[in-house]
Amino acid sequence: IHLGNQTTSGEVGWHNTEKLTRQATDSTVYMIANSVYTTELNQCCTTHTCFEYLMEGLRLFLCESACCSLPFPIIADSKRELAVALGMLDPDERDKDGMPLTARCVFIIGPDKKLKLSLLYPATTGRNFDEILRVVDSLQLTAGKRVATPADWKPGNCVMVPPSMSEEEAASLFPAGVYTKDLPSGKKYLRYTPQP
């Protein structure tokens, strides 16, 4: 996933590709997929190799027609060269021929072309697209504002004021107010403000 500067929001389901795709398309997030199945991508509604079957199902789910074009590119990596180079193979799970299964990997790359997030889900575990969208929203927000997002943050929730920021600077940057969480230690480093 490549990030732009706007945010996404909302709920996602299935392999959640439909809603993720729509939300990503509505923002400046660009998706690309990698598949280790073998066949040609552009053949439609003909013979059913495993990859074509997968693509036809994905097209039907996303586009209501098995012959539409997908809203994001898919790399055909039948020799698993890219999957190996990017560490996308599950170290434990293998297919009937003993080949490592591909893991569910997510890489988020920022506008500066630097890796911002890398997630590796085992082949036996599905991805959490709500969390991926939450991370995208957080990365886009914090890239433009001097804030941090706490655990389980969602767009619109309060954000954290960095501990390195002085009280005076925080007061001038966040006119909606800065609120400090009371801690047993008495330290005041957990400061919150409404999302700018």
N, C-alpha and C. Protein backbone atom coordinates (compact mmCIF):
# COMPACT_ATOMS: atom_id res chain seq x y z
N ILE A 1 0.87 -1.16 0.00
CA ILE A 1 0.00 0.00 0.00
C ILE A 1 0.91 1.22 0.00
N HIS A 2 0.65 2.14 -0.90
CA HIS A 2 1.40 3.40 -0.92
C HIS A 2 0.51 4.51 -0.42
N LEU A 3 1.01 5.29 0.51
CA LEU A 3 0.20 6.33 1.15
C LEU A 3 0.30 7.66 0.43
N GLY A 4 -0.79 8.36 0.39
CA GLY A 4 -0.79 9.76 -0.02
C GLY A 4 -1.03 10.60 1.21
N ASN A 5 -1.81 11.66 1.10
CA ASN A 5 -1.96 12.58 2.23
C ASN A 5 -3.35 12.64 2.84
N GLN A 6 -4.34 11.96 2.26
CA GLN A 6 -5.68 12.04 2.83
C GLN A 6 -5.96 10.82 3.68
N THR A 7 -7.09 10.84 4.39
CA THR A 7 -7.40 9.72 5.28
C THR A 7 -8.55 8.90 4.74
N THR A 8 -8.67 7.69 5.27
CA THR A 8 -9.79 6.82 4.98
C THR A 8 -10.57 6.67 6.27
N SER A 9 -11.78 6.18 6.19
CA SER A 9 -12.51 5.88 7.41
C SER A 9 -13.61 4.91 7.08
N GLY A 10 -14.11 4.23 8.10
CA GLY A 10 -15.23 3.32 7.88
C GLY A 10 -14.90 1.90 8.27
N GLU A 11 -15.83 1.02 7.90
CA GLU A 11 -15.76 -0.36 8.32
C GLU A 11 -15.44 -1.24 7.11
N VAL A 12 -14.69 -2.32 7.31
CA VAL A 12 -14.35 -3.22 6.20
C VAL A 12 -14.64 -4.67 6.57
N GLY A 13 -14.94 -5.54 5.59
CA GLY A 13 -15.27 -6.95 5.83
C GLY A 13 -14.63 -7.90 4.80
N TRP A 14 -15.04 -9.14 4.56
CA TRP A 14 -14.57 -10.25 3.70
C TRP A 14 -13.11 -10.48 3.87
N HIS A 15 -12.37 -10.78 2.83
CA HIS A 15 -10.93 -10.57 2.85
C HIS A 15 -10.86 -9.07 2.85
N ASN A 16 -12.05 -8.47 2.92
CA ASN A 16 -12.28 -7.05 3.06
C ASN A 16 -11.73 -6.24 1.91
N THR A 17 -11.45 -6.90 0.82
CA THR A 17 -10.82 -6.24 -0.31
C THR A 17 -11.74 -5.21 -0.94
N GLU A 18 -13.05 -5.51 -1.03
CA GLU A 18 -13.96 -4.57 -1.69
C GLU A 18 -13.97 -3.22 -0.98
N LYS A 19 -14.26 -3.23 0.31
CA LYS A 19 -14.35 -1.95 1.03
C LYS A 19 -12.98 -1.30 1.15
N LEU A 20 -11.94 -2.10 1.38
CA LEU A 20 -10.59 -1.54 1.45
C LEU A 20 -10.26 -0.86 0.13
N THR A 21 -10.58 -1.53 -0.97
CA THR A 21 -10.30 -0.95 -2.29
C THR A 21 -11.07 0.34 -2.48
N ARG A 22 -12.35 0.34 -2.13
CA ARG A 22 -13.15 1.57 -2.28
C ARG A 22 -12.62 2.68 -1.41
N GLN A 23 -12.26 2.38 -0.16
CA GLN A 23 -11.74 3.40 0.73
C GLN A 23 -10.38 3.89 0.26
N ALA A 24 -9.55 2.97 -0.20
CA ALA A 24 -8.24 3.37 -0.69
C ALA A 24 -8.38 4.20 -1.96
N THR A 25 -9.33 3.84 -2.81
CA THR A 25 -9.55 4.58 -4.04
C THR A 25 -10.05 5.99 -3.74
N ASP A 26 -10.85 6.13 -2.67
CA ASP A 26 -11.37 7.43 -2.30
C ASP A 26 -10.30 8.32 -1.68
N SER A 27 -9.20 7.75 -1.24
CA SER A 27 -8.13 8.55 -0.65
C SER A 27 -6.94 8.53 -1.59
N THR A 28 -5.79 8.82 -1.06
CA THR A 28 -4.60 8.79 -1.90
C THR A 28 -3.73 7.59 -1.53
N VAL A 29 -4.39 6.46 -1.30
CA VAL A 29 -3.70 5.21 -1.00
C VAL A 29 -3.76 4.36 -2.27
N TYR A 30 -2.62 3.81 -2.66
CA TYR A 30 -2.55 3.00 -3.86
C TYR A 30 -2.17 1.59 -3.47
N MET A 31 -2.92 0.61 -3.94
CA MET A 31 -2.67 -0.78 -3.58
C MET A 31 -2.07 -1.53 -4.76
N ILE A 32 -1.29 -2.56 -4.43
CA ILE A 32 -0.77 -3.51 -5.40
C ILE A 32 -0.75 -4.85 -4.70
N ALA A 33 -1.01 -5.92 -5.43
CA ALA A 33 -1.03 -7.25 -4.82
C ALA A 33 0.02 -8.12 -5.50
N ASN A 34 0.44 -9.16 -4.80
CA ASN A 34 1.37 -10.13 -5.34
C ASN A 34 0.72 -11.50 -5.22
N SER A 35 0.74 -12.29 -6.29
CA SER A 35 0.16 -13.62 -6.25
C SER A 35 1.17 -14.63 -6.76
N VAL A 36 1.28 -15.76 -6.05
CA VAL A 36 2.19 -16.81 -6.47
C VAL A 36 1.49 -17.87 -7.32
N TYR A 37 0.21 -17.67 -7.62
CA TYR A 37 -0.49 -18.60 -8.49
C TYR A 37 -0.03 -18.42 -9.93
N THR A 38 -0.13 -19.50 -10.71
CA THR A 38 0.37 -19.44 -12.08
C THR A 38 -0.76 -19.28 -13.08
N THR A 39 -0.60 -18.35 -13.98
CA THR A 39 -1.41 -18.16 -15.18
C THR A 39 -1.24 -16.75 -15.68
N GLU A 40 -1.93 -16.43 -16.76
CA GLU A 40 -1.89 -15.07 -17.27
C GLU A 40 -3.01 -14.28 -16.65
N LEU A 41 -2.72 -13.06 -16.28
CA LEU A 41 -3.69 -12.22 -15.59
C LEU A 41 -4.89 -11.83 -16.42
N ASN A 42 -4.70 -11.56 -17.70
CA ASN A 42 -5.75 -10.93 -18.48
C ASN A 42 -6.72 -11.91 -19.12
N GLN A 43 -6.49 -13.22 -18.98
CA GLN A 43 -7.46 -14.17 -19.51
C GLN A 43 -8.70 -14.13 -18.64
N CYS A 44 -9.84 -14.09 -19.27
CA CYS A 44 -11.06 -13.96 -18.49
C CYS A 44 -12.08 -15.00 -18.90
N CYS A 45 -12.67 -15.66 -17.94
CA CYS A 45 -13.79 -16.57 -18.18
C CYS A 45 -13.43 -17.71 -19.13
N THR A 46 -12.22 -18.23 -19.06
CA THR A 46 -11.87 -19.35 -19.94
C THR A 46 -11.53 -20.54 -19.07
N THR A 47 -10.34 -21.10 -19.22
CA THR A 47 -9.95 -22.24 -18.39
C THR A 47 -9.76 -21.78 -16.96
N HIS A 48 -9.93 -22.68 -16.04
CA HIS A 48 -9.84 -22.29 -14.63
C HIS A 48 -8.63 -22.90 -13.97
N THR A 49 -7.47 -22.26 -14.09
CA THR A 49 -6.36 -22.62 -13.23
C THR A 49 -6.67 -22.00 -11.88
N CYS A 50 -5.90 -22.32 -10.90
CA CYS A 50 -6.14 -21.80 -9.55
C CYS A 50 -6.14 -20.27 -9.55
N PHE A 51 -5.19 -19.67 -10.25
CA PHE A 51 -5.09 -18.21 -10.27
C PHE A 51 -6.29 -17.60 -10.97
N GLU A 52 -6.69 -18.18 -12.10
CA GLU A 52 -7.84 -17.63 -12.82
C GLU A 52 -9.11 -17.74 -11.98
N TYR A 53 -9.25 -18.84 -11.27
CA TYR A 53 -10.40 -19.02 -10.41
C TYR A 53 -10.42 -17.94 -9.33
N LEU A 54 -9.25 -17.71 -8.74
CA LEU A 54 -9.12 -16.66 -7.73
C LEU A 54 -9.45 -15.30 -8.32
N MET A 55 -8.91 -15.00 -9.50
CA MET A 55 -9.13 -13.70 -10.13
C MET A 55 -10.59 -13.52 -10.52
N GLU A 56 -11.20 -14.57 -11.04
CA GLU A 56 -12.61 -14.46 -11.41
C GLU A 56 -13.47 -14.18 -10.19
N GLY A 57 -13.20 -14.87 -9.09
CA GLY A 57 -13.93 -14.63 -7.85
C GLY A 57 -13.71 -13.22 -7.33
N LEU A 58 -12.48 -12.75 -7.39
CA LEU A 58 -12.16 -11.40 -6.94
C LEU A 58 -12.86 -10.36 -7.82
N ARG A 59 -12.83 -10.59 -9.14
CA ARG A 59 -13.52 -9.66 -10.06
C ARG A 59 -15.02 -9.64 -9.78
N LEU A 60 -15.62 -10.82 -9.59
CA LEU A 60 -17.05 -10.88 -9.29
C LEU A 60 -17.37 -10.14 -8.00
N PHE A 61 -16.53 -10.33 -6.99
CA PHE A 61 -16.76 -9.69 -5.70
C PHE A 61 -16.62 -8.19 -5.78
N LEU A 62 -15.59 -7.72 -6.50
CA LEU A 62 -15.33 -6.29 -6.56
C LEU A 62 -16.15 -5.57 -7.61
N CYS A 63 -16.44 -6.25 -8.72
CA CYS A 63 -16.97 -5.53 -9.88
C CYS A 63 -18.32 -6.04 -10.36
N GLU A 64 -18.85 -7.09 -9.76
CA GLU A 64 -20.11 -7.69 -10.20
C GLU A 64 -20.03 -8.26 -11.60
N SER A 65 -18.83 -8.47 -12.14
CA SER A 65 -18.63 -9.11 -13.44
C SER A 65 -17.25 -9.73 -13.42
N ALA A 66 -17.17 -10.98 -13.88
CA ALA A 66 -15.87 -11.66 -13.87
C ALA A 66 -14.95 -11.11 -14.95
N CYS A 67 -15.45 -10.24 -15.82
CA CYS A 67 -14.61 -9.74 -16.92
C CYS A 67 -14.22 -8.27 -16.74
N CYS A 68 -14.43 -7.71 -15.59
CA CYS A 68 -14.03 -6.31 -15.37
C CYS A 68 -12.54 -6.26 -15.06
N SER A 69 -11.98 -5.07 -15.10
CA SER A 69 -10.59 -4.97 -14.65
C SER A 69 -10.58 -4.68 -13.16
N LEU A 70 -9.58 -5.22 -12.51
CA LEU A 70 -9.47 -4.99 -11.08
C LEU A 70 -8.99 -3.57 -10.82
N PRO A 71 -9.38 -3.00 -9.68
CA PRO A 71 -9.03 -1.61 -9.39
C PRO A 71 -7.60 -1.43 -8.86
N PHE A 72 -6.81 -2.49 -8.88
CA PHE A 72 -5.41 -2.40 -8.48
C PHE A 72 -4.63 -3.48 -9.23
N PRO A 73 -3.34 -3.23 -9.46
CA PRO A 73 -2.55 -4.24 -10.19
C PRO A 73 -2.20 -5.43 -9.31
N ILE A 74 -2.05 -6.60 -9.95
CA ILE A 74 -1.62 -7.80 -9.25
C ILE A 74 -0.39 -8.34 -9.98
N ILE A 75 0.68 -8.53 -9.24
CA ILE A 75 1.91 -9.07 -9.80
C ILE A 75 1.79 -10.58 -9.83
N ALA A 76 2.02 -11.19 -11.00
CA ALA A 76 2.03 -12.64 -11.12
C ALA A 76 3.44 -13.12 -10.78
N ASP A 77 3.60 -13.74 -9.64
CA ASP A 77 4.90 -14.15 -9.11
C ASP A 77 4.94 -15.68 -8.98
N SER A 78 4.69 -16.38 -10.10
CA SER A 78 4.55 -17.83 -10.05
C SER A 78 5.82 -18.54 -9.60
N LYS A 79 6.97 -17.94 -9.79
CA LYS A 79 8.23 -18.55 -9.34
C LYS A 79 8.58 -18.14 -7.92
N ARG A 80 7.73 -17.33 -7.32
CA ARG A 80 7.88 -16.88 -5.93
C ARG A 80 9.15 -16.06 -5.70
N GLU A 81 9.68 -15.49 -6.74
CA GLU A 81 10.92 -14.72 -6.60
C GLU A 81 10.71 -13.47 -5.75
N LEU A 82 9.66 -12.72 -6.03
CA LEU A 82 9.37 -11.53 -5.25
C LEU A 82 8.97 -11.90 -3.81
N ALA A 83 8.17 -12.95 -3.69
CA ALA A 83 7.74 -13.40 -2.36
C ALA A 83 8.95 -13.79 -1.51
N VAL A 84 9.94 -14.44 -2.10
CA VAL A 84 11.15 -14.82 -1.37
C VAL A 84 11.96 -13.56 -1.03
N ALA A 85 12.15 -12.69 -2.02
CA ALA A 85 12.96 -11.48 -1.83
C ALA A 85 12.39 -10.58 -0.73
N LEU A 86 11.06 -10.54 -0.60
CA LEU A 86 10.42 -9.68 0.39
C LEU A 86 10.08 -10.40 1.69
N GLY A 87 10.49 -11.67 1.81
CA GLY A 87 10.23 -12.42 3.03
C GLY A 87 8.76 -12.71 3.25
N MET A 88 8.04 -13.04 2.18
CA MET A 88 6.60 -13.23 2.26
C MET A 88 6.19 -14.70 2.40
N LEU A 89 7.12 -15.58 2.69
CA LEU A 89 6.78 -17.00 2.82
C LEU A 89 6.65 -17.37 4.30
N ASP A 90 5.64 -18.15 4.60
CA ASP A 90 5.41 -18.59 5.96
C ASP A 90 6.51 -19.59 6.33
N PRO A 91 7.22 -19.36 7.42
CA PRO A 91 8.32 -20.27 7.77
C PRO A 91 7.84 -21.65 8.24
N ASP A 92 6.57 -21.78 8.63
CA ASP A 92 6.08 -23.03 9.19
C ASP A 92 5.09 -23.78 8.30
N GLU A 93 4.18 -23.07 7.65
CA GLU A 93 3.12 -23.72 6.90
C GLU A 93 3.58 -24.09 5.49
N ARG A 94 3.27 -25.34 5.07
CA ARG A 94 3.68 -25.81 3.75
C ARG A 94 2.49 -26.45 3.04
N ASP A 95 2.54 -26.43 1.68
CA ASP A 95 1.47 -27.07 0.91
C ASP A 95 1.76 -28.56 0.79
N LYS A 96 0.91 -29.29 0.04
CA LYS A 96 1.05 -30.75 -0.08
C LYS A 96 2.36 -31.17 -0.72
N ASP A 97 2.98 -30.28 -1.50
CA ASP A 97 4.27 -30.58 -2.15
C ASP A 97 5.46 -30.13 -1.31
N GLY A 98 5.20 -29.63 -0.11
CA GLY A 98 6.28 -29.19 0.77
C GLY A 98 6.75 -27.76 0.51
N MET A 99 6.07 -27.05 -0.39
CA MET A 99 6.43 -25.65 -0.67
C MET A 99 5.89 -24.76 0.44
N PRO A 100 6.70 -23.78 0.89
CA PRO A 100 6.18 -22.86 1.91
C PRO A 100 4.99 -22.08 1.36
N LEU A 101 3.97 -21.94 2.19
CA LEU A 101 2.82 -21.13 1.79
C LEU A 101 3.20 -19.65 1.89
N THR A 102 2.56 -18.85 1.06
CA THR A 102 2.81 -17.42 1.18
C THR A 102 2.09 -16.92 2.41
N ALA A 103 2.75 -16.04 3.13
CA ALA A 103 2.14 -15.42 4.29
C ALA A 103 1.35 -14.21 3.81
N ARG A 104 0.47 -13.73 4.64
CA ARG A 104 -0.31 -12.54 4.30
C ARG A 104 0.51 -11.34 4.77
N CYS A 105 1.20 -10.73 3.84
CA CYS A 105 2.09 -9.61 4.16
C CYS A 105 1.45 -8.29 3.75
N VAL A 106 1.69 -7.31 4.56
CA VAL A 106 1.26 -5.95 4.25
C VAL A 106 2.46 -5.05 4.44
N PHE A 107 2.78 -4.29 3.41
CA PHE A 107 3.84 -3.30 3.49
C PHE A 107 3.20 -1.95 3.21
N ILE A 108 3.41 -0.98 4.07
CA ILE A 108 2.91 0.37 3.83
C ILE A 108 4.12 1.25 3.59
N ILE A 109 4.13 1.89 2.45
CA ILE A 109 5.24 2.74 2.04
C ILE A 109 4.73 4.17 1.95
N GLY A 110 5.44 5.09 2.56
CA GLY A 110 5.03 6.48 2.60
C GLY A 110 5.36 7.23 1.32
N PRO A 111 4.86 8.46 1.20
CA PRO A 111 5.15 9.29 0.03
C PRO A 111 6.65 9.52 -0.16
N ASP A 112 7.41 9.40 0.94
CA ASP A 112 8.87 9.56 0.86
C ASP A 112 9.56 8.27 0.39
N LYS A 113 8.75 7.25 0.01
CA LYS A 113 9.22 5.96 -0.48
C LYS A 113 9.97 5.15 0.58
N LYS A 114 9.68 5.43 1.85
CA LYS A 114 10.27 4.67 2.95
C LYS A 114 9.20 3.76 3.55
N LEU A 115 9.64 2.58 3.99
CA LEU A 115 8.75 1.63 4.62
C LEU A 115 8.25 2.20 5.95
N LYS A 116 6.94 2.30 6.09
CA LYS A 116 6.34 2.83 7.31
C LYS A 116 5.82 1.71 8.21
N LEU A 117 5.41 0.59 7.60
CA LEU A 117 4.85 -0.52 8.38
C LEU A 117 5.04 -1.81 7.60
N SER A 118 5.35 -2.87 8.32
CA SER A 118 5.45 -4.20 7.73
C SER A 118 4.74 -5.16 8.66
N LEU A 119 3.72 -5.85 8.14
CA LEU A 119 2.98 -6.85 8.92
C LEU A 119 3.11 -8.19 8.22
N LEU A 120 3.34 -9.23 8.97
CA LEU A 120 3.42 -10.58 8.42
C LEU A 120 2.44 -11.45 9.19
N TYR A 121 1.33 -11.77 8.55
CA TYR A 121 0.36 -12.67 9.15
C TYR A 121 0.70 -14.08 8.68
N PRO A 122 0.70 -15.08 9.55
CA PRO A 122 0.93 -16.45 9.08
C PRO A 122 -0.16 -16.86 8.09
N ALA A 123 0.14 -17.86 7.27
CA ALA A 123 -0.82 -18.34 6.27
C ALA A 123 -2.13 -18.77 6.92
N THR A 124 -2.08 -19.15 8.16
CA THR A 124 -3.29 -19.64 8.86
C THR A 124 -4.11 -18.53 9.50
N THR A 125 -3.66 -17.29 9.37
CA THR A 125 -4.34 -16.17 10.03
C THR A 125 -4.72 -15.10 9.02
N GLY A 126 -5.96 -14.69 9.03
CA GLY A 126 -6.42 -13.64 8.11
C GLY A 126 -5.96 -12.26 8.57
N ARG A 127 -5.96 -11.35 7.63
CA ARG A 127 -5.55 -9.97 7.92
C ARG A 127 -6.69 -9.21 8.59
N ASN A 128 -6.32 -8.15 9.31
CA ASN A 128 -7.30 -7.29 9.93
C ASN A 128 -7.27 -5.96 9.19
N PHE A 129 -8.19 -5.79 8.24
CA PHE A 129 -8.18 -4.59 7.41
C PHE A 129 -8.60 -3.34 8.18
N ASP A 130 -9.41 -3.52 9.23
CA ASP A 130 -9.73 -2.36 10.06
C ASP A 130 -8.45 -1.79 10.65
N GLU A 131 -7.57 -2.66 11.11
CA GLU A 131 -6.30 -2.21 11.69
C GLU A 131 -5.40 -1.58 10.63
N ILE A 132 -5.39 -2.15 9.44
CA ILE A 132 -4.57 -1.57 8.37
C ILE A 132 -5.05 -0.17 8.03
N LEU A 133 -6.36 0.01 7.91
CA LEU A 133 -6.90 1.35 7.62
C LEU A 133 -6.64 2.31 8.78
N ARG A 134 -6.72 1.80 10.02
CA ARG A 134 -6.43 2.64 11.19
C ARG A 134 -4.98 3.12 11.14
N VAL A 135 -4.07 2.23 10.78
CA VAL A 135 -2.65 2.60 10.67
C VAL A 135 -2.44 3.62 9.56
N VAL A 136 -3.10 3.41 8.43
CA VAL A 136 -2.99 4.37 7.31
C VAL A 136 -3.46 5.75 7.77
N ASP A 137 -4.61 5.79 8.44
CA ASP A 137 -5.12 7.07 8.95
C ASP A 137 -4.14 7.71 9.92
N SER A 138 -3.59 6.92 10.82
CA SER A 138 -2.63 7.43 11.80
C SER A 138 -1.37 7.95 11.11
N LEU A 139 -0.84 7.19 10.17
CA LEU A 139 0.38 7.61 9.47
C LEU A 139 0.15 8.91 8.71
N GLN A 140 -1.00 9.03 8.06
CA GLN A 140 -1.28 10.25 7.31
C GLN A 140 -1.47 11.45 8.24
N LEU A 141 -2.14 11.23 9.36
CA LEU A 141 -2.35 12.31 10.33
C LEU A 141 -1.03 12.77 10.94
N THR A 142 -0.25 11.82 11.43
CA THR A 142 0.98 12.17 12.14
C THR A 142 2.08 12.66 11.21
N ALA A 143 1.97 12.40 9.93
CA ALA A 143 2.95 12.94 8.98
C ALA A 143 2.77 14.45 8.82
N GLY A 144 1.55 14.93 9.01
CA GLY A 144 1.28 16.35 8.81
C GLY A 144 1.09 17.15 10.08
N LYS A 145 0.89 16.49 11.19
CA LYS A 145 0.65 17.17 12.48
C LYS A 145 1.64 16.63 13.50
N ARG A 146 2.00 17.45 14.46
CA ARG A 146 2.93 17.02 15.51
C ARG A 146 2.16 16.35 16.64
N VAL A 147 1.63 15.17 16.35
CA VAL A 147 0.87 14.39 17.33
C VAL A 147 1.26 12.92 17.18
N ALA A 148 0.80 12.12 18.13
CA ALA A 148 0.94 10.67 18.07
C ALA A 148 -0.44 10.08 18.33
N THR A 149 -0.65 8.86 17.87
CA THR A 149 -1.94 8.23 18.11
C THR A 149 -1.77 7.09 19.11
N PRO A 150 -2.65 7.01 20.11
CA PRO A 150 -2.55 5.94 21.11
C PRO A 150 -3.08 4.61 20.58
N ALA A 151 -2.91 3.57 21.37
CA ALA A 151 -3.46 2.25 21.02
C ALA A 151 -4.96 2.37 20.81
N ASP A 152 -5.46 1.65 19.83
CA ASP A 152 -6.89 1.61 19.50
C ASP A 152 -7.46 2.95 19.05
N TRP A 153 -6.62 3.92 18.71
CA TRP A 153 -7.08 5.21 18.21
C TRP A 153 -7.88 5.01 16.92
N LYS A 154 -8.90 5.82 16.76
CA LYS A 154 -9.68 5.84 15.51
C LYS A 154 -9.82 7.30 15.10
N PRO A 155 -9.97 7.57 13.79
CA PRO A 155 -10.12 8.96 13.34
C PRO A 155 -11.22 9.68 14.13
N GLY A 156 -10.90 10.87 14.61
CA GLY A 156 -11.83 11.66 15.39
C GLY A 156 -11.59 11.57 16.89
N ASN A 157 -10.88 10.52 17.33
CA ASN A 157 -10.56 10.39 18.75
C ASN A 157 -9.45 11.36 19.13
N CYS A 158 -9.26 11.56 20.42
CA CYS A 158 -8.16 12.40 20.88
C CYS A 158 -6.82 11.78 20.48
N VAL A 159 -5.85 12.65 20.29
CA VAL A 159 -4.50 12.22 19.94
C VAL A 159 -3.56 12.62 21.07
N MET A 160 -2.36 12.11 21.03
CA MET A 160 -1.39 12.39 22.08
C MET A 160 -0.45 13.52 21.66
N VAL A 161 -0.09 14.32 22.64
CA VAL A 161 0.90 15.37 22.45
C VAL A 161 2.26 14.73 22.76
N PRO A 162 3.24 14.85 21.87
CA PRO A 162 4.54 14.22 22.12
C PRO A 162 5.16 14.70 23.44
N PRO A 163 5.78 13.80 24.21
CA PRO A 163 6.39 14.18 25.49
C PRO A 163 7.49 15.22 25.34
N SER A 164 8.12 15.27 24.18
CA SER A 164 9.22 16.22 23.96
C SER A 164 8.73 17.66 23.77
N MET A 165 7.43 17.84 23.57
CA MET A 165 6.89 19.18 23.34
C MET A 165 6.64 19.89 24.68
N SER A 166 7.10 21.13 24.78
CA SER A 166 6.92 21.89 26.02
C SER A 166 5.44 22.23 26.23
N GLU A 167 5.09 22.53 27.47
CA GLU A 167 3.71 22.92 27.80
C GLU A 167 3.30 24.16 27.01
N GLU A 168 4.21 25.13 26.90
CA GLU A 168 3.92 26.38 26.20
C GLU A 168 3.67 26.13 24.71
N GLU A 169 4.52 25.31 24.10
CA GLU A 169 4.36 25.01 22.67
C GLU A 169 3.06 24.24 22.44
N ALA A 170 2.76 23.27 23.31
CA ALA A 170 1.52 22.49 23.19
C ALA A 170 0.30 23.40 23.28
N ALA A 171 0.33 24.35 24.22
CA ALA A 171 -0.80 25.27 24.39
C ALA A 171 -0.99 26.13 23.14
N SER A 172 0.10 26.54 22.50
CA SER A 172 -0.03 27.38 21.30
C SER A 172 -0.42 26.56 20.07
N LEU A 173 0.05 25.31 19.97
CA LEU A 173 -0.28 24.47 18.81
C LEU A 173 -1.68 23.87 18.87
N PHE A 174 -2.20 23.67 20.08
CA PHE A 174 -3.48 22.99 20.25
C PHE A 174 -4.45 23.88 21.03
N PRO A 175 -5.08 24.83 20.36
CA PRO A 175 -5.98 25.77 21.04
C PRO A 175 -7.21 25.11 21.65
N ALA A 176 -7.55 23.89 21.20
CA ALA A 176 -8.70 23.19 21.78
C ALA A 176 -8.40 22.66 23.17
N GLY A 177 -7.15 22.77 23.59
CA GLY A 177 -6.78 22.35 24.94
C GLY A 177 -5.94 21.10 24.97
N VAL A 178 -5.13 20.99 26.01
CA VAL A 178 -4.30 19.81 26.25
C VAL A 178 -4.69 19.26 27.61
N TYR A 179 -4.98 17.96 27.65
CA TYR A 179 -5.43 17.32 28.88
C TYR A 179 -4.39 16.29 29.31
N THR A 180 -4.03 16.29 30.55
CA THR A 180 -3.02 15.39 31.08
C THR A 180 -3.68 14.24 31.83
N LYS A 181 -3.22 13.04 31.55
CA LYS A 181 -3.73 11.86 32.26
C LYS A 181 -2.99 11.75 33.59
N ASP A 182 -3.76 11.59 34.66
CA ASP A 182 -3.15 11.43 35.98
C ASP A 182 -2.51 10.06 36.09
N LEU A 183 -1.25 10.04 36.46
CA LEU A 183 -0.51 8.79 36.62
C LEU A 183 -0.07 8.64 38.07
N PRO A 184 0.06 7.41 38.55
CA PRO A 184 0.52 7.20 39.93
C PRO A 184 1.87 7.87 40.22
N SER A 185 2.72 7.96 39.22
CA SER A 185 4.03 8.58 39.42
C SER A 185 3.96 10.09 39.55
N GLY A 186 2.83 10.67 39.13
CA GLY A 186 2.69 12.12 39.16
C GLY A 186 3.30 12.80 37.94
N LYS A 187 3.95 12.02 37.07
CA LYS A 187 4.54 12.60 35.86
C LYS A 187 3.43 12.98 34.89
N LYS A 188 3.70 13.98 34.08
CA LYS A 188 2.67 14.50 33.18
C LYS A 188 3.06 14.32 31.72
N TYR A 189 3.49 13.12 31.37
CA TYR A 189 3.90 12.92 29.99
C TYR A 189 2.81 12.35 29.09
N LEU A 190 1.70 11.88 29.66
CA LEU A 190 0.58 11.41 28.84
C LEU A 190 -0.41 12.56 28.66
N ARG A 191 -0.21 13.31 27.58
CA ARG A 191 -1.07 14.48 27.31
C ARG A 191 -1.86 14.24 26.05
N TYR A 192 -3.12 14.63 26.08
CA TYR A 192 -4.04 14.41 24.96
C TYR A 192 -4.63 15.73 24.50
N THR A 193 -5.05 15.74 23.24
CA THR A 193 -5.74 16.89 22.68
C THR A 193 -6.72 16.38 21.63
N PRO A 194 -7.81 17.10 21.37
CA PRO A 194 -8.69 16.67 20.28
C PRO A 194 -7.92 16.60 18.96
N GLN A 195 -8.30 15.68 18.12
CA GLN A 195 -7.60 15.51 16.84
C GLN A 195 -7.64 16.80 16.03
N PRO A 196 -6.46 17.32 15.63
CA PRO A 196 -6.45 18.57 14.84
C PRO A 196 -6.96 18.33 13.42
